[in-house]
Amino acid sequence: MAIRYDRPVSSAARISRLLGAFSLVLALAVLIAHRFGGLATPYLVLLLFTAGGFALLAALLAAVGLRSLWMTGAEGGLAALAALIYTAFPLGIGAFAAERYMTLPDIYDVSTDPISAPDWLSTPKADQIWLKRNLVTPEDREKQIAAYPELTGRRYEGALDRVLEAVRKVAKQSGFTIVRSTGTTEPDRGPEDGPAQPAAGDDAVADAPGIIPVPTPRPYDDDVAKLIRGANGVMLQATNRTLILGLRFDILIRLREEAETTFVDIRVASRYGQHDLGFSAAIAGDYLKALDAELLGLAGG
């Protein structure tokens, strides 16, 4: 009589594959909904936590299935391997966030001027739900200095208008959307959009006197007057979103003209939570490097 051996089946391996697939689909769905839809960041974080929890459970069950395969030859090796592949993405996001959370300071606001950070032109507002934040304290600024000592302002040996033009250009290249400004013209107006100049062959204008006297004082409110009044404190406020996660950040760029140089400071803050995972400092650092490259040869000490 022939002897037939029934090969055991690992239920843990099969369940791990289902849980792993669910965690991957959930992570991708919430990322897409947050980046291109209206899903709020606090819900994104909560759902990514959920996806990570399912992925961790799936990885543990996959390990049990592989052990059963090794010890008893139980079926389920392919299912366990598929589960590990599915869980790689959500677990990778979780590991990245955990590593940054543990190694970087719990701050959400950085500035190249930690002593006198520029004030927001319009205070950023967001429904933080459960990702609450505390007010920025001097201790937070000390944490920033210790963690990001290279994050300092820039001094350029150039006129404010030239540096301002580069600041706007690099901001656009970096994906910043300027929402408010002071000491300068409209946010999206460039130097080439100024008032039209009269044509050289226009006789009526050419015959007009170069200077027209004004008998009584009047307030000046043209673009040149605005630039002169704000020459020692031009400020631009902008918003930005990270490429993959779509996290929102608020940015403030301050330009100050000192003698024949222009000093540039930047402030970046995340909208949600007490810990920005280092994104604010990365945004500020990348912007300043791009500005240095744009104004190559003008950066001073």
C-alpha atoms as a PDB file:
ATOM      1  CA  MET A   1       0.000   0.000   0.000  1.00  0.00           C
ATOM      2  CA  ALA A   2       1.379   3.402  -1.014  1.00  0.00           C
ATOM      3  CA  ILE A   3       2.008   5.899   1.718  1.00  0.00           C
ATOM      4  CA  ARG A   4       0.780   9.444   1.052  1.00  0.00           C
ATOM      5  CA  TYR A   5       2.137  12.405   2.941  1.00  0.00           C
ATOM      6  CA  ASP A   6      -0.094  15.465   3.354  1.00  0.00           C
ATOM      7  CA  ARG A   7       1.938  18.648   3.276  1.00  0.00           C
ATOM      8  CA  PRO A   8       0.863  21.132   5.951  1.00  0.00           C
ATOM      9  CA  VAL A   9      -0.291  24.602   4.962  1.00  0.00           C
ATOM     10  CA  SER A  10       0.750  27.777   6.748  1.00  0.00           C
ATOM     11  CA  SER A  11      -2.316  29.891   7.457  1.00  0.00           C
ATOM     12  CA  ALA A  12      -0.053  32.663   8.785  1.00  0.00           C
ATOM     13  CA  ALA A  13       1.637  32.995   5.392  1.00  0.00           C
ATOM     14  CA  ARG A  14      -1.662  33.302   3.549  1.00  0.00           C
ATOM     15  CA  ILE A  15      -3.030  35.871   5.987  1.00  0.00           C
ATOM     16  CA  SER A  16       0.225  37.838   5.785  1.00  0.00           C
ATOM     17  CA  ARG A  17      -0.169  38.182   2.026  1.00  0.00           C
ATOM     18  CA  LEU A  18      -3.667  39.608   2.394  1.00  0.00           C
ATOM     19  CA  LEU A  19      -2.636  42.018   5.138  1.00  0.00           C
ATOM     20  CA  GLY A  20       0.448  43.084   3.206  1.00  0.00           C
ATOM     21  CA  ALA A  21      -1.572  43.836   0.080  1.00  0.00           C
ATOM     22  CA  PHE A  22      -4.092  45.800   2.140  1.00  0.00           C
ATOM     23  CA  SER A  23      -1.381  47.883   3.800  1.00  0.00           C
ATOM     24  CA  LEU A  24       0.206  48.731   0.441  1.00  0.00           C
ATOM     25  CA  VAL A  25      -3.095  49.734  -1.174  1.00  0.00           C
ATOM     26  CA  LEU A  26      -4.051  51.820   1.866  1.00  0.00           C
ATOM     27  CA  ALA A  27      -0.707  53.651   1.936  1.00  0.00           C
ATOM     28  CA  LEU A  28      -0.809  54.437  -1.779  1.00  0.00           C
ATOM     29  CA  ALA A  29      -4.458  55.504  -1.664  1.00  0.00           C
ATOM     30  CA  VAL A  30      -4.006  57.982   1.198  1.00  0.00           C
ATOM     31  CA  LEU A  31      -0.846  59.425  -0.358  1.00  0.00           C
ATOM     32  CA  ILE A  32      -2.649  60.045  -3.642  1.00  0.00           C
ATOM     33  CA  ALA A  33      -5.681  61.472  -1.826  1.00  0.00           C
ATOM     34  CA  HIS A  34      -3.464  63.841   0.157  1.00  0.00           C
ATOM     35  CA  ARG A  35      -1.259  64.901  -2.757  1.00  0.00           C
ATOM     36  CA  PHE A  36      -3.964  65.410  -5.359  1.00  0.00           C
ATOM     37  CA  GLY A  37      -7.174  65.397  -3.319  1.00  0.00           C
ATOM     38  CA  GLY A  38      -8.493  67.110  -0.240  1.00  0.00           C
ATOM     39  CA  LEU A  39      -7.324  64.719   2.471  1.00  0.00           C
ATOM     40  CA  ALA A  40      -6.034  66.735   5.433  1.00  0.00           C
ATOM     41  CA  THR A  41      -2.509  66.084   6.698  1.00  0.00           C
ATOM     42  CA  PRO A  42      -3.582  64.887  10.189  1.00  0.00           C
ATOM     43  CA  TYR A  43      -5.730  62.191   8.561  1.00  0.00           C
ATOM     44  CA  LEU A  44      -2.842  61.299   6.259  1.00  0.00           C
ATOM     45  CA  VAL A  45      -0.580  60.687   9.247  1.00  0.00           C
ATOM     46  CA  LEU A  46      -3.254  58.679  11.055  1.00  0.00           C
ATOM     47  CA  LEU A  47      -3.954  56.462   8.044  1.00  0.00           C
ATOM     48  CA  LEU A  48      -0.240  55.958   7.361  1.00  0.00           C
ATOM     49  CA  PHE A  49       0.118  54.829  10.976  1.00  0.00           C
ATOM     50  CA  THR A  50      -2.703  52.354  10.312  1.00  0.00           C
ATOM     51  CA  ALA A  51      -1.094  51.107   7.104  1.00  0.00           C
ATOM     52  CA  GLY A  52       2.227  50.723   8.916  1.00  0.00           C
ATOM     53  CA  GLY A  53       0.574  48.730  11.684  1.00  0.00           C
ATOM     54  CA  PHE A  54      -0.989  46.308   9.222  1.00  0.00           C
ATOM     55  CA  ALA A  55       2.307  46.051   7.356  1.00  0.00           C
ATOM     56  CA  LEU A  56       4.190  45.230  10.551  1.00  0.00           C
ATOM     57  CA  LEU A  57       1.649  42.555  11.466  1.00  0.00           C
ATOM     58  CA  ALA A  58       1.885  41.118   7.945  1.00  0.00           C
ATOM     59  CA  ALA A  59       5.684  40.996   8.169  1.00  0.00           C
ATOM     60  CA  LEU A  60       5.502  39.126  11.494  1.00  0.00           C
ATOM     61  CA  LEU A  61       3.035  36.588  10.080  1.00  0.00           C
ATOM     62  CA  ALA A  62       5.235  36.195   7.009  1.00  0.00           C
ATOM     63  CA  ALA A  63       8.153  35.397   9.306  1.00  0.00           C
ATOM     64  CA  VAL A  64       6.014  32.737  11.000  1.00  0.00           C
ATOM     65  CA  GLY A  65       5.115  31.281   7.620  1.00  0.00           C
ATOM     66  CA  LEU A  66       8.748  31.127   6.529  1.00  0.00           C
ATOM     67  CA  ARG A  67       9.653  29.421   9.797  1.00  0.00           C
ATOM     68  CA  SER A  68       6.955  26.834   9.202  1.00  0.00           C
ATOM     69  CA  LEU A  69       8.330  26.280   5.708  1.00  0.00           C
ATOM     70  CA  TRP A  70      11.807  25.729   7.121  1.00  0.00           C
ATOM     71  CA  MET A  71      10.803  23.531  10.040  1.00  0.00           C
ATOM     72  CA  THR A  72       7.981  21.411   8.604  1.00  0.00           C
ATOM     73  CA  GLY A  73       7.956  22.178   4.879  1.00  0.00           C
ATOM     74  CA  ALA A  74       4.576  23.861   5.161  1.00  0.00           C
ATOM     75  CA  GLU A  75       3.128  25.513   2.070  1.00  0.00           C
ATOM     76  CA  GLY A  76       3.102  29.289   2.053  1.00  0.00           C
ATOM     77  CA  GLY A  77       6.616  30.329   1.137  1.00  0.00           C
ATOM     78  CA  LEU A  78       5.535  32.285  -1.935  1.00  0.00           C
ATOM     79  CA  ALA A  79       2.704  33.927  -0.012  1.00  0.00           C
ATOM     80  CA  ALA A  80       5.103  35.004   2.736  1.00  0.00           C
ATOM     81  CA  LEU A  81       7.547  36.365   0.164  1.00  0.00           C
ATOM     82  CA  ALA A  82       4.771  38.338  -1.537  1.00  0.00           C
ATOM     83  CA  ALA A  83       3.740  39.751   1.839  1.00  0.00           C
ATOM     84  CA  LEU A  84       7.261  40.993   2.515  1.00  0.00           C
ATOM     85  CA  ILE A  85       7.338  42.685  -0.896  1.00  0.00           C
ATOM     86  CA  TYR A  86       3.965  44.357  -0.289  1.00  0.00           C
ATOM     87  CA  THR A  87       4.980  45.654   3.130  1.00  0.00           C
ATOM     88  CA  ALA A  88       8.304  47.141   1.976  1.00  0.00           C
ATOM     89  CA  PHE A  89       6.761  50.480   0.974  1.00  0.00           C
ATOM     90  CA  PRO A  90       4.602  51.244   4.051  1.00  0.00           C
ATOM     91  CA  LEU A  91       7.304  49.939   6.385  1.00  0.00           C
ATOM     92  CA  GLY A  92       9.892  52.037   4.551  1.00  0.00           C
ATOM     93  CA  ILE A  93       7.838  55.183   5.118  1.00  0.00           C
ATOM     94  CA  GLY A  94       7.444  54.283   8.772  1.00  0.00           C
ATOM     95  CA  ALA A  95      11.153  53.583   9.222  1.00  0.00           C
ATOM     96  CA  PHE A  96      12.070  56.868   7.525  1.00  0.00           C
ATOM     97  CA  ALA A  97       9.708  58.854   9.761  1.00  0.00           C
ATOM     98  CA  ALA A  98      10.807  57.028  12.917  1.00  0.00           C
ATOM     99  CA  GLU A  99      14.501  57.566  12.191  1.00  0.00           C
ATOM    100  CA  ARG A 100      14.031  61.288  11.650  1.00  0.00           C
ATOM    101  CA  TYR A 101      11.732  61.621  14.641  1.00  0.00           C
ATOM    102  CA  MET A 102      14.302  60.023  16.922  1.00  0.00           C
ATOM    103  CA  THR A 103      17.434  61.747  15.582  1.00  0.00           C
ATOM    104  CA  LEU A 104      16.211  65.285  14.793  1.00  0.00           C
ATOM    105  CA  PRO A 105      14.891  67.891  17.259  1.00  0.00           C
ATOM    106  CA  ASP A 106      11.162  68.249  17.802  1.00  0.00           C
ATOM    107  CA  ILE A 107      10.783  71.619  16.119  1.00  0.00           C
ATOM    108  CA  TYR A 108       8.576  72.727  13.245  1.00  0.00           C
ATOM    109  CA  ASP A 109       9.893  76.237  12.561  1.00  0.00           C
ATOM    110  CA  VAL A 110      13.425  77.170  11.439  1.00  0.00           C
ATOM    111  CA  SER A 111      14.989  80.511  10.567  1.00  0.00           C
ATOM    112  CA  THR A 112      18.379  81.667   9.375  1.00  0.00           C
ATOM    113  CA  ASP A 113      18.021  84.430  11.990  1.00  0.00           C
ATOM    114  CA  PRO A 114      17.243  82.523  15.203  1.00  0.00           C
ATOM    115  CA  ILE A 115      17.676  85.646  17.354  1.00  0.00           C
ATOM    116  CA  SER A 116      15.232  87.875  15.472  1.00  0.00           C
ATOM    117  CA  ALA A 117      13.257  85.677  13.113  1.00  0.00           C
ATOM    118  CA  PRO A 118      11.170  87.644  10.583  1.00  0.00           C
ATOM    119  CA  ASP A 119       7.491  87.899  11.456  1.00  0.00           C
ATOM    120  CA  TRP A 120       4.850  86.496   9.151  1.00  0.00           C
ATOM    121  CA  LEU A 121       3.133  89.020   6.942  1.00  0.00           C
ATOM    122  CA  SER A 122      -0.024  86.956   7.343  1.00  0.00           C
ATOM    123  CA  THR A 123      -0.124  84.369  10.120  1.00  0.00           C
ATOM    124  CA  PRO A 124      -0.511  80.892   8.546  1.00  0.00           C
ATOM    125  CA  LYS A 125      -3.730  79.162   9.557  1.00  0.00           C
ATOM    126  CA  ALA A 126      -4.570  75.476   9.372  1.00  0.00           C
ATOM    127  CA  ASP A 127      -6.967  73.107  11.111  1.00  0.00           C
ATOM    128  CA  GLN A 128      -4.416  71.010  12.970  1.00  0.00           C
ATOM    129  CA  ILE A 129      -7.027  68.623  14.430  1.00  0.00           C
ATOM    130  CA  TRP A 130      -4.874  66.303  16.559  1.00  0.00           C
ATOM    131  CA  LEU A 131      -1.450  67.425  15.262  1.00  0.00           C
ATOM    132  CA  LYS A 132      -1.213  70.389  17.629  1.00  0.00           C
ATOM    133  CA  ARG A 133       1.803  72.705  17.885  1.00  0.00           C
ATOM    134  CA  ASN A 134       3.318  74.783  20.665  1.00  0.00           C
ATOM    135  CA  LEU A 135       4.529  78.341  20.271  1.00  0.00           C
ATOM    136  CA  VAL A 136       8.130  78.714  19.155  1.00  0.00           C
ATOM    137  CA  THR A 137      10.392  79.303  22.172  1.00  0.00           C
ATOM    138  CA  PRO A 138      14.038  80.350  22.557  1.00  0.00           C
ATOM    139  CA  GLU A 139      14.755  76.720  23.464  1.00  0.00           C
ATOM    140  CA  ASP A 140      13.435  75.672  20.055  1.00  0.00           C
ATOM    141  CA  ARG A 141      15.818  78.107  18.384  1.00  0.00           C
ATOM    142  CA  GLU A 142      18.701  76.665  20.412  1.00  0.00           C
ATOM    143  CA  LYS A 143      17.732  73.178  19.223  1.00  0.00           C
ATOM    144  CA  GLN A 144      17.782  74.451  15.657  1.00  0.00           C
ATOM    145  CA  ILE A 145      21.252  75.966  16.037  1.00  0.00           C
ATOM    146  CA  ALA A 146      22.581  72.701  17.472  1.00  0.00           C
ATOM    147  CA  ALA A 147      20.971  70.521  14.794  1.00  0.00           C
ATOM    148  CA  TYR A 148      21.484  72.762  11.752  1.00  0.00           C
ATOM    149  CA  PRO A 149      24.554  74.963  12.359  1.00  0.00           C
ATOM    150  CA  GLU A 150      24.991  75.468   8.603  1.00  0.00           C
ATOM    151  CA  LEU A 151      21.592  77.156   8.281  1.00  0.00           C
ATOM    152  CA  THR A 152      22.627  80.824   8.161  1.00  0.00           C
ATOM    153  CA  GLY A 153      21.636  83.907   6.209  1.00  0.00           C
ATOM    154  CA  ARG A 154      23.393  85.122   3.084  1.00  0.00           C
ATOM    155  CA  ARG A 155      25.042  88.460   2.333  1.00  0.00           C
ATOM    156  CA  TYR A 156      25.394  89.401  -1.320  1.00  0.00           C
ATOM    157  CA  GLU A 157      27.449  92.262  -2.656  1.00  0.00           C
ATOM    158  CA  GLY A 158      24.788  93.631  -4.906  1.00  0.00           C
ATOM    159  CA  ALA A 159      21.899  96.077  -5.055  1.00  0.00           C
ATOM    160  CA  LEU A 160      18.604  95.021  -3.519  1.00  0.00           C
ATOM    161  CA  ASP A 161      16.727  95.075  -6.806  1.00  0.00           C
ATOM    162  CA  ARG A 162      19.178  92.645  -8.414  1.00  0.00           C
ATOM    163  CA  VAL A 163      19.076  90.265  -5.459  1.00  0.00           C
ATOM    164  CA  LEU A 164      15.284  90.555  -5.289  1.00  0.00           C
ATOM    165  CA  GLU A 165      15.010  89.503  -8.921  1.00  0.00           C
ATOM    166  CA  ALA A 166      17.138  86.418  -8.206  1.00  0.00           C
ATOM    167  CA  VAL A 167      15.140  85.657  -5.053  1.00  0.00           C
ATOM    168  CA  ARG A 168      11.914  85.629  -7.048  1.00  0.00           C
ATOM    169  CA  LYS A 169      13.413  83.530  -9.837  1.00  0.00           C
ATOM    170  CA  VAL A 170      14.781  80.869  -7.481  1.00  0.00           C
ATOM    171  CA  ALA A 171      11.527  80.846  -5.513  1.00  0.00           C
ATOM    172  CA  LYS A 172       9.608  80.063  -8.704  1.00  0.00           C
ATOM    173  CA  GLN A 173      12.096  77.356  -9.661  1.00  0.00           C
ATOM    174  CA  SER A 174      11.773  75.840  -6.178  1.00  0.00           C
ATOM    175  CA  GLY A 175       8.011  75.584  -6.467  1.00  0.00           C
ATOM    176  CA  PHE A 176       7.240  78.432  -4.059  1.00  0.00           C
ATOM    177  CA  THR A 177       3.995  80.326  -4.547  1.00  0.00           C
ATOM    178  CA  ILE A 178       4.356  83.907  -3.333  1.00  0.00           C
ATOM    179  CA  VAL A 179       1.114  84.925  -1.636  1.00  0.00           C
ATOM    180  CA  ARG A 180       2.044  88.246  -0.057  1.00  0.00           C
ATOM    181  CA  SER A 181       4.828  90.802  -0.113  1.00  0.00           C
ATOM    182  CA  THR A 182       5.769  94.095   1.469  1.00  0.00           C
ATOM    183  CA  GLY A 183       8.277  96.708   0.420  1.00  0.00           C
ATOM    184  CA  THR A 184       7.959  95.626  -3.219  1.00  0.00           C
ATOM    185  CA  THR A 185       5.475  95.337  -6.047  1.00  0.00           C
ATOM    186  CA  GLU A 186       2.831  92.688  -6.594  1.00  0.00           C
ATOM    187  CA  PRO A 187       3.903  89.074  -5.908  1.00  0.00           C
ATOM    188  CA  ASP A 188       3.843  87.894  -9.514  1.00  0.00           C
ATOM    189  CA  ARG A 189       5.011  91.084 -11.207  1.00  0.00           C
ATOM    190  CA  GLY A 190       8.487  91.092 -12.653  1.00  0.00           C
ATOM    191  CA  PRO A 191      10.734  93.999 -13.598  1.00  0.00           C
ATOM    192  CA  GLU A 192       9.783  93.619 -17.234  1.00  0.00           C
ATOM    193  CA  ASP A 193       6.124  94.313 -16.362  1.00  0.00           C
ATOM    194  CA  GLY A 194       6.749  97.929 -15.341  1.00  0.00           C
ATOM    195  CA  PRO A 195       5.010 100.940 -16.848  1.00  0.00           C
ATOM    196  CA  ALA A 196       5.415 101.278 -20.602  1.00  0.00           C
ATOM    197  CA  GLN A 197       8.081 103.714 -21.730  1.00  0.00           C
ATOM    198  CA  PRO A 198       7.301 106.267 -24.455  1.00  0.00           C
ATOM    199  CA  ALA A 199       8.587 105.491 -27.907  1.00  0.00           C
ATOM    200  CA  ALA A 200      11.621 107.427 -29.103  1.00  0.00           C
ATOM    201  CA  GLY A 201       9.729 108.815 -32.092  1.00  0.00           C
ATOM    202  CA  ASP A 202       6.699 110.117 -30.169  1.00  0.00           C
ATOM    203  CA  ASP A 203       6.954 113.910 -30.771  1.00  0.00           C
ATOM    204  CA  ALA A 204       4.222 114.823 -28.332  1.00  0.00           C
ATOM    205  CA  VAL A 205       5.999 113.094 -25.470  1.00  0.00           C
ATOM    206  CA  ALA A 206       9.480 114.074 -26.630  1.00  0.00           C
ATOM    207  CA  ASP A 207       8.557 117.765 -26.479  1.00  0.00           C
ATOM    208  CA  ALA A 208       7.323 117.507 -22.904  1.00  0.00           C
ATOM    209  CA  PRO A 209       9.626 118.796 -20.174  1.00  0.00           C
ATOM    210  CA  GLY A 210      11.745 116.189 -18.398  1.00  0.00           C
ATOM    211  CA  ILE A 211      10.637 117.375 -14.937  1.00  0.00           C
ATOM    212  CA  ILE A 212       7.159 118.703 -14.177  1.00  0.00           C
ATOM    213  CA  PRO A 213       7.099 120.830 -10.994  1.00  0.00           C
ATOM    214  CA  VAL A 214       4.350 120.094  -8.504  1.00  0.00           C
ATOM    215  CA  PRO A 215       3.328 123.180  -6.534  1.00  0.00           C
ATOM    216  CA  THR A 216       1.896 121.331  -3.535  1.00  0.00           C
ATOM    217  CA  PRO A 217       3.178 118.230  -1.712  1.00  0.00           C
ATOM    218  CA  ARG A 218       1.496 114.943  -2.620  1.00  0.00           C
ATOM    219  CA  PRO A 219       2.022 111.349  -1.444  1.00  0.00           C
ATOM    220  CA  TYR A 220       3.977 109.081  -3.752  1.00  0.00           C
ATOM    221  CA  ASP A 221       2.525 105.639  -4.252  1.00  0.00           C
ATOM    222  CA  ASP A 222       4.122 104.377  -7.447  1.00  0.00           C
ATOM    223  CA  ASP A 223       6.259 101.241  -7.748  1.00  0.00           C
ATOM    224  CA  VAL A 224       9.543 103.120  -7.356  1.00  0.00           C
ATOM    225  CA  ALA A 225       8.345 104.848  -4.199  1.00  0.00           C
ATOM    226  CA  LYS A 226       7.249 101.516  -2.726  1.00  0.00           C
ATOM    227  CA  LEU A 227      10.620  99.981  -3.459  1.00  0.00           C
ATOM    228  CA  ILE A 228      12.443 102.935  -1.867  1.00  0.00           C
ATOM    229  CA  ARG A 229      10.283 102.821   1.246  1.00  0.00           C
ATOM    230  CA  GLY A 230      10.831  99.105   1.614  1.00  0.00           C
ATOM    231  CA  ALA A 231      14.492  99.063   0.626  1.00  0.00           C
ATOM    232  CA  ASN A 232      15.581  98.170   4.146  1.00  0.00           C
ATOM    233  CA  GLY A 233      12.943  95.487   4.663  1.00  0.00           C
ATOM    234  CA  VAL A 234      11.589  93.759   1.588  1.00  0.00           C
ATOM    235  CA  MET A 235       9.694  90.616   2.590  1.00  0.00           C
ATOM    236  CA  LEU A 236       8.040  87.848   0.580  1.00  0.00           C
ATOM    237  CA  GLN A 237       5.717  85.230   2.054  1.00  0.00           C
ATOM    238  CA  ALA A 238       5.146  82.012   0.120  1.00  0.00           C
ATOM    239  CA  THR A 239       3.804  78.480   0.402  1.00  0.00           C
ATOM    240  CA  ASN A 240       5.244  75.201  -0.808  1.00  0.00           C
ATOM    241  CA  ARG A 241       4.377  71.493  -0.956  1.00  0.00           C
ATOM    242  CA  THR A 242       6.795  68.594  -0.882  1.00  0.00           C
ATOM    243  CA  LEU A 243       6.954  66.616  -4.103  1.00  0.00           C
ATOM    244  CA  ILE A 244       5.900  63.128  -2.960  1.00  0.00           C
ATOM    245  CA  LEU A 245       4.049  63.498   0.329  1.00  0.00           C
ATOM    246  CA  GLY A 246       2.501  66.859  -0.549  1.00  0.00           C
ATOM    247  CA  LEU A 247       3.171  68.323   2.912  1.00  0.00           C
ATOM    248  CA  ARG A 248       2.490  72.053   3.140  1.00  0.00           C
ATOM    249  CA  PHE A 249       5.038  74.572   4.383  1.00  0.00           C
ATOM    250  CA  ASP A 250       4.988  78.321   4.822  1.00  0.00           C
ATOM    251  CA  ILE A 251       8.041  80.369   3.847  1.00  0.00           C
ATOM    252  CA  LEU A 252       9.107  83.927   4.586  1.00  0.00           C
ATOM    253  CA  ILE A 253      12.051  85.548   2.794  1.00  0.00           C
ATOM    254  CA  ARG A 254      13.462  88.806   4.125  1.00  0.00           C
ATOM    255  CA  LEU A 255      15.863  91.083   2.247  1.00  0.00           C
ATOM    256  CA  ARG A 256      17.679  93.944   3.964  1.00  0.00           C
ATOM    257  CA  GLU A 257      19.923  96.417   2.223  1.00  0.00           C
ATOM    258  CA  GLU A 258      23.020  97.283   4.236  1.00  0.00           C
ATOM    259  CA  ALA A 259      25.430  99.786   2.643  1.00  0.00           C
ATOM    260  CA  GLU A 260      26.268  98.202  -0.735  1.00  0.00           C
ATOM    261  CA  THR A 261      25.225  94.676   0.228  1.00  0.00           C
ATOM    262  CA  THR A 262      21.930  92.830   0.573  1.00  0.00           C
ATOM    263  CA  PHE A 263      21.306  90.356   3.398  1.00  0.00           C
ATOM    264  CA  VAL A 264      18.819  87.520   2.814  1.00  0.00           C
ATOM    265  CA  ASP A 265      17.113  85.517   5.569  1.00  0.00           C
ATOM    266  CA  ILE A 266      14.568  82.745   5.204  1.00  0.00           C
ATOM    267  CA  ARG A 267      12.073  81.226   7.623  1.00  0.00           C
ATOM    268  CA  VAL A 268      10.277  77.940   6.965  1.00  0.00           C
ATOM    269  CA  ALA A 269       7.561  76.313   9.082  1.00  0.00           C
ATOM    270  CA  SER A 270       5.393  73.238   8.687  1.00  0.00           C
ATOM    271  CA  ARG A 271       1.664  73.631   9.243  1.00  0.00           C
ATOM    272  CA  TYR A 272       0.991  70.535  11.307  1.00  0.00           C
ATOM    273  CA  GLY A 273       2.536  68.898  14.335  1.00  0.00           C
ATOM    274  CA  GLN A 274       5.385  69.774  16.647  1.00  0.00           C
ATOM    275  CA  HIS A 275       7.980  67.796  14.642  1.00  0.00           C
ATOM    276  CA  ASP A 276       8.705  68.567  10.990  1.00  0.00           C
ATOM    277  CA  LEU A 277      11.049  65.572  10.478  1.00  0.00           C
ATOM    278  CA  GLY A 278      13.727  67.941   9.189  1.00  0.00           C
ATOM    279  CA  PHE A 279      11.772  69.046   6.120  1.00  0.00           C
ATOM    280  CA  SER A 280      11.785  72.743   7.045  1.00  0.00           C
ATOM    281  CA  ALA A 281      15.572  72.891   7.313  1.00  0.00           C
ATOM    282  CA  ALA A 282      15.920  70.921   4.064  1.00  0.00           C
ATOM    283  CA  ILE A 283      13.633  73.363   2.201  1.00  0.00           C
ATOM    284  CA  ALA A 284      15.507  76.380   3.548  1.00  0.00           C
ATOM    285  CA  GLY A 285      18.932  74.866   2.831  1.00  0.00           C
ATOM    286  CA  ASP A 286      18.047  73.830  -0.719  1.00  0.00           C
ATOM    287  CA  TYR A 287      16.660  77.272  -1.471  1.00  0.00           C
ATOM    288  CA  LEU A 288      19.753  79.067  -0.194  1.00  0.00           C
ATOM    289  CA  LYS A 289      22.045  76.775  -2.201  1.00  0.00           C
ATOM    290  CA  ALA A 290      20.043  77.494  -5.348  1.00  0.00           C
ATOM    291  CA  LEU A 291      20.167  81.225  -4.588  1.00  0.00           C
ATOM    292  CA  ASP A 292      23.942  81.040  -4.119  1.00  0.00           C
ATOM    293  CA  ALA A 293      24.233  79.374  -7.505  1.00  0.00           C
ATOM    294  CA  GLU A 294      22.018  82.007  -9.122  1.00  0.00           C
ATOM    295  CA  LEU A 295      24.034  84.827  -7.594  1.00  0.00           C
ATOM    296  CA  LEU A 296      27.399  83.088  -8.028  1.00  0.00           C
ATOM    297  CA  GLY A 297      30.212  85.410  -7.157  1.00  0.00           C
ATOM    298  CA  LEU A 298      28.059  87.784  -5.132  1.00  0.00           C
ATOM    299  CA  ALA A 299      27.883  85.831  -1.886  1.00  0.00           C
ATOM    300  CA  GLY A 300      29.847  87.525   0.856  1.00  0.00           C
ATOM    301  CA  GLY A 301      30.733  86.632   4.386  1.00  0.00           C
END
